[in-house]
Amino acid sequence: MDYKIITDTSCDLSKEMARDLNITYVPFYISISGVEYTDDDELDVNAFIQEMVKAPEPIRTACASSFEYTKALNDCEENNIFVVT
């Protein structure tokens, strides 16, 4: 492909769709009761949901940093790069 799409993990596509559309994700961050979670392929979603249900205080989220977007951009070999946030 001659293009790359970079987006954050709020873009909810299947792995197959992301692969077929040449999408790279930068992760969101979630904080539950002081524990930081990275929204990536290693996140244990079932355990994460259980922690959300038990959380006595509001859950906090943070968007990907400009550093992570810059790294994703620098890792691209394609000439046409689109960033969707």
Protein backbone atom coordinates (compact mmCIF):
# COMPACT_ATOMS: atom_id res chain seq x y z
CA MET A 1 0.00 0.00 0.00
CA ASP A 2 1.16 3.50 -0.62
CA TYR A 3 -0.59 4.94 2.43
CA LYS A 4 -0.63 4.52 6.20
CA ILE A 5 -3.35 5.53 8.64
CA ILE A 6 -2.35 6.34 12.20
CA THR A 7 -5.08 6.57 14.81
CA ASP A 8 -5.58 6.05 18.52
CA THR A 9 -7.10 2.98 20.09
CA SER A 10 -10.52 4.57 20.37
CA CYS A 11 -10.87 3.55 16.70
CA ASP A 12 -12.58 0.22 17.24
CA LEU A 13 -11.72 -2.00 14.28
CA SER A 14 -10.97 -5.70 14.14
CA LYS A 15 -7.33 -6.74 13.76
CA GLU A 16 -8.15 -7.92 10.26
CA MET A 17 -9.65 -4.58 9.25
CA ALA A 18 -6.72 -2.67 10.73
CA ARG A 19 -4.31 -4.89 8.81
CA ASP A 20 -6.27 -4.64 5.55
CA LEU A 21 -6.54 -0.84 5.83
CA ASN A 22 -2.86 -0.45 6.87
CA ILE A 23 -3.70 1.16 10.21
CA THR A 24 -1.24 1.73 13.04
CA TYR A 25 -2.58 2.46 16.51
CA VAL A 26 -1.17 4.65 19.26
CA PRO A 27 -2.59 3.70 22.66
CA PHE A 28 -4.95 5.42 25.04
CA TYR A 29 -4.11 5.20 28.73
CA ILE A 30 -6.58 4.34 31.45
CA SER A 31 -6.12 4.78 35.20
CA ILE A 32 -8.23 2.73 37.61
CA SER A 33 -7.65 3.27 41.32
CA GLY A 34 -4.11 4.47 40.67
CA VAL A 35 -3.18 1.58 38.35
CA GLU A 36 -2.21 2.61 34.82
CA TYR A 37 -3.35 0.49 31.88
CA THR A 38 -2.22 0.83 28.27
CA ASP A 39 -4.91 0.16 25.69
CA ASP A 40 -2.93 -2.14 23.41
CA ASP A 41 -2.85 -5.77 22.28
CA GLU A 42 -1.48 -6.87 25.66
CA LEU A 43 -4.42 -5.51 27.67
CA ASP A 44 -6.34 -8.31 29.39
CA VAL A 45 -9.79 -6.95 28.64
CA ASN A 46 -11.69 -9.29 30.98
CA ALA A 47 -9.47 -8.46 33.97
CA PHE A 48 -9.60 -4.79 33.01
CA ILE A 49 -13.42 -4.79 33.00
CA GLN A 50 -13.49 -6.50 36.40
CA GLU A 51 -11.25 -3.74 37.79
CA MET A 52 -13.53 -1.10 36.27
CA VAL A 53 -16.58 -2.62 37.97
CA LYS A 54 -14.81 -2.69 41.36
CA ALA A 55 -13.39 0.83 41.10
CA PRO A 56 -14.63 3.04 43.96
CA GLU A 57 -13.61 6.27 42.21
CA PRO A 58 -13.92 7.68 38.68
CA ILE A 59 -11.86 6.07 35.96
CA ARG A 60 -9.45 8.42 34.20
CA THR A 61 -8.29 8.28 30.61
CA ALA A 62 -5.56 10.02 28.65
CA CYS A 63 -4.99 10.34 24.94
CA ALA A 64 -1.77 9.24 23.33
CA SER A 65 1.05 11.75 23.66
CA SER A 66 2.56 13.71 20.80
CA PHE A 67 5.71 11.60 21.32
CA GLU A 68 3.79 8.42 20.48
CA TYR A 69 2.31 9.98 17.35
CA THR A 70 5.77 11.22 16.32
CA LYS A 71 7.24 7.75 16.84
CA ALA A 72 4.47 6.17 14.76
CA LEU A 73 5.04 8.74 12.02
CA ASN A 74 8.80 8.15 12.04
CA ASP A 75 8.26 4.39 11.76
CA CYS A 76 6.25 4.79 8.54
CA GLU A 77 7.77 3.96 5.19
CA GLU A 78 4.75 5.09 3.20
CA ASN A 79 4.67 8.48 1.45
CA ASN A 80 1.01 9.18 2.18
CA ILE A 81 0.31 9.23 5.92
CA PHE A 82 -3.03 10.16 7.44
CA VAL A 83 -3.51 10.78 11.15
CA VAL A 84 -7.03 10.36 12.50
CA THR A 85 -7.70 11.48 16.08
